Amino acid sequence: MSEETKSQTPPDRLSVNPRSEHFDAEVLQRGVGIRFKGKQRTDIEEYSISEGWVRVQAGRTVDRKGNPLTLKLSGPVEAWFEDLGEEPPVAKAD
């Protein structure tokens, strides 16, 4: 993958939780679209393309520290930057 293509596709793993080591505010600011099992999702808390899973919030349930409880769902994951227009490069597992 060329350097230009890498900058046009989201990272392999990303989280919206600021306490996570996979959190990246600059990447999230660009807007990342996620397709999980062929359906576009907007409720993803964290994803991993290479491992094929996403984490979604389990309703309004929170743990004792006030963090939302999440479920880990397995399946094919695709990600793209929403600021690149109609046909952006899509990052997906090979």
C-alpha atoms as a PDB file:
ATOM      1  CA  MET A   1       0.000   0.000   0.000  1.00  0.00           C
ATOM      2  CA  SER A   2       1.413   3.388  -0.952  1.00  0.00           C
ATOM      3  CA  GLU A   3       1.772   6.216   1.559  1.00  0.00           C
ATOM      4  CA  GLU A   4      -0.987   8.203  -0.178  1.00  0.00           C
ATOM      5  CA  THR A   5      -3.413   5.254   0.000  1.00  0.00           C
ATOM      6  CA  LYS A   6      -2.625   4.752   3.706  1.00  0.00           C
ATOM      7  CA  SER A   7      -3.553   8.377   4.415  1.00  0.00           C
ATOM      8  CA  GLN A   8      -6.855   7.905   2.562  1.00  0.00           C
ATOM      9  CA  THR A   9      -7.982   4.814   4.490  1.00  0.00           C
ATOM     10  CA  PRO A  10      -8.777   4.636   8.214  1.00  0.00           C
ATOM     11  CA  PRO A  11      -6.541   2.698  10.619  1.00  0.00           C
ATOM     12  CA  ASP A  12      -7.016  -1.039  11.162  1.00  0.00           C
ATOM     13  CA  ARG A  13      -8.296  -0.435  14.689  1.00  0.00           C
ATOM     14  CA  LEU A  14      -9.998   2.639  16.129  1.00  0.00           C
ATOM     15  CA  SER A  15     -11.956   3.531  19.273  1.00  0.00           C
ATOM     16  CA  VAL A  16     -14.162   6.490  20.211  1.00  0.00           C
ATOM     17  CA  ASN A  17     -13.247   6.119  23.911  1.00  0.00           C
ATOM     18  CA  PRO A  18     -10.574   8.728  24.851  1.00  0.00           C
ATOM     19  CA  ARG A  19      -9.105   6.351  27.463  1.00  0.00           C
ATOM     20  CA  SER A  20      -8.378   3.670  24.846  1.00  0.00           C
ATOM     21  CA  GLU A  21      -4.915   3.270  23.340  1.00  0.00           C
ATOM     22  CA  HIS A  22      -6.638   3.080  19.916  1.00  0.00           C
ATOM     23  CA  PHE A  23      -8.268   6.509  20.248  1.00  0.00           C
ATOM     24  CA  ASP A  24      -7.197   9.076  17.627  1.00  0.00           C
ATOM     25  CA  ALA A  25      -9.021  12.421  17.706  1.00  0.00           C
ATOM     26  CA  GLU A  26      -7.632  13.599  14.352  1.00  0.00           C
ATOM     27  CA  VAL A  27      -8.909  10.501  12.554  1.00  0.00           C
ATOM     28  CA  LEU A  28     -12.326  10.694  14.239  1.00  0.00           C
ATOM     29  CA  GLN A  29     -12.610  14.376  13.334  1.00  0.00           C
ATOM     30  CA  ARG A  30     -12.447  13.449   9.640  1.00  0.00           C
ATOM     31  CA  GLY A  31     -15.449  11.144  10.058  1.00  0.00           C
ATOM     32  CA  VAL A  32     -15.152   7.384   9.670  1.00  0.00           C
ATOM     33  CA  GLY A  33     -17.900   5.348   8.028  1.00  0.00           C
ATOM     34  CA  ILE A  34     -18.294   1.704   9.118  1.00  0.00           C
ATOM     35  CA  ARG A  35     -19.993  -1.148   7.282  1.00  0.00           C
ATOM     36  CA  PHE A  36     -20.487  -4.297   9.383  1.00  0.00           C
ATOM     37  CA  LYS A  37     -21.845  -7.447   7.730  1.00  0.00           C
ATOM     38  CA  GLY A  38     -22.839  -5.400   4.693  1.00  0.00           C
ATOM     39  CA  LYS A  39     -24.869  -2.830   6.660  1.00  0.00           C
ATOM     40  CA  GLN A  40     -23.720   0.720   7.384  1.00  0.00           C
ATOM     41  CA  ARG A  41     -23.600   1.335  11.167  1.00  0.00           C
ATOM     42  CA  THR A  42     -23.357   4.554  13.168  1.00  0.00           C
ATOM     43  CA  ASP A  43     -23.346   3.035  16.681  1.00  0.00           C
ATOM     44  CA  ILE A  44     -19.848   1.505  16.672  1.00  0.00           C
ATOM     45  CA  GLU A  45     -17.697   2.196  19.771  1.00  0.00           C
ATOM     46  CA  GLU A  46     -14.565   0.392  18.510  1.00  0.00           C
ATOM     47  CA  TYR A  47     -13.608  -1.760  15.531  1.00  0.00           C
ATOM     48  CA  SER A  48     -10.820  -3.973  14.221  1.00  0.00           C
ATOM     49  CA  ILE A  49     -10.757  -4.696  10.500  1.00  0.00           C
ATOM     50  CA  SER A  50      -8.049  -7.398  10.532  1.00  0.00           C
ATOM     51  CA  GLU A  51      -9.599  -9.293  13.463  1.00  0.00           C
ATOM     52  CA  GLY A  52     -13.142  -8.879  12.073  1.00  0.00           C
ATOM     53  CA  TRP A  53     -15.074  -7.464  15.042  1.00  0.00           C
ATOM     54  CA  VAL A  54     -16.852  -4.355  16.306  1.00  0.00           C
ATOM     55  CA  ARG A  55     -17.948  -3.220  19.767  1.00  0.00           C
ATOM     56  CA  VAL A  56     -21.390  -1.664  20.211  1.00  0.00           C
ATOM     57  CA  GLN A  57     -23.003  -0.232  23.326  1.00  0.00           C
ATOM     58  CA  ALA A  58     -25.374  -2.616  25.139  1.00  0.00           C
ATOM     59  CA  GLY A  59     -28.390  -0.325  25.523  1.00  0.00           C
ATOM     60  CA  ARG A  60     -28.112   2.233  28.313  1.00  0.00           C
ATOM     61  CA  THR A  61     -26.315  -0.131  30.670  1.00  0.00           C
ATOM     62  CA  VAL A  62     -23.195   1.234  32.369  1.00  0.00           C
ATOM     63  CA  ASP A  63     -20.584  -0.311  34.637  1.00  0.00           C
ATOM     64  CA  ARG A  64     -19.843   0.920  38.163  1.00  0.00           C
ATOM     65  CA  LYS A  65     -17.470   3.576  36.813  1.00  0.00           C
ATOM     66  CA  GLY A  66     -20.109   5.002  34.479  1.00  0.00           C
ATOM     67  CA  ASN A  67     -18.622   3.563  31.266  1.00  0.00           C
ATOM     68  CA  PRO A  68     -21.066   2.013  28.796  1.00  0.00           C
ATOM     69  CA  LEU A  69     -21.100  -1.783  28.628  1.00  0.00           C
ATOM     70  CA  THR A  70     -20.274  -3.033  25.139  1.00  0.00           C
ATOM     71  CA  LEU A  71     -20.870  -6.185  23.147  1.00  0.00           C
ATOM     72  CA  LYS A  72     -18.244  -7.601  20.801  1.00  0.00           C
ATOM     73  CA  LEU A  73     -19.774  -8.733  17.500  1.00  0.00           C
ATOM     74  CA  SER A  74     -17.809 -10.743  14.912  1.00  0.00           C
ATOM     75  CA  GLY A  75     -18.081 -10.399  11.151  1.00  0.00           C
ATOM     76  CA  PRO A  76     -16.620  -8.588   8.140  1.00  0.00           C
ATOM     77  CA  VAL A  77     -15.781  -4.929   8.825  1.00  0.00           C
ATOM     78  CA  GLU A  78     -15.150  -2.177   6.257  1.00  0.00           C
ATOM     79  CA  ALA A  79     -14.130   1.423   7.044  1.00  0.00           C
ATOM     80  CA  TRP A  80     -13.687   4.611   5.025  1.00  0.00           C
ATOM     81  CA  PHE A  81     -13.229   8.341   5.542  1.00  0.00           C
ATOM     82  CA  GLU A  82     -16.493  10.189   4.976  1.00  0.00           C
ATOM     83  CA  ASP A  83     -14.746  13.423   3.947  1.00  0.00           C
ATOM     84  CA  LEU A  84     -13.439  11.879   0.694  1.00  0.00           C
ATOM     85  CA  GLY A  85     -16.750  12.078  -1.185  1.00  0.00           C
ATOM     86  CA  GLU A  86     -18.990   9.480  -2.823  1.00  0.00           C
ATOM     87  CA  GLU A  87     -16.462   6.745  -3.736  1.00  0.00           C
ATOM     88  CA  PRO A  88     -13.708   6.806  -1.061  1.00  0.00           C
ATOM     89  CA  PRO A  89     -11.062   4.058  -0.725  1.00  0.00           C
ATOM     90  CA  VAL A  90     -12.420   1.372   1.649  1.00  0.00           C
ATOM     91  CA  ALA A  91     -10.235  -0.438   4.196  1.00  0.00           C
ATOM     92  CA  LYS A  92     -11.274  -4.073   4.567  1.00  0.00           C
ATOM     93  CA  ALA A  93      -9.729  -7.421   5.476  1.00  0.00           C
ATOM     94  CA  ASP A  94      -8.102  -9.225   2.547  1.00  0.00           C
END
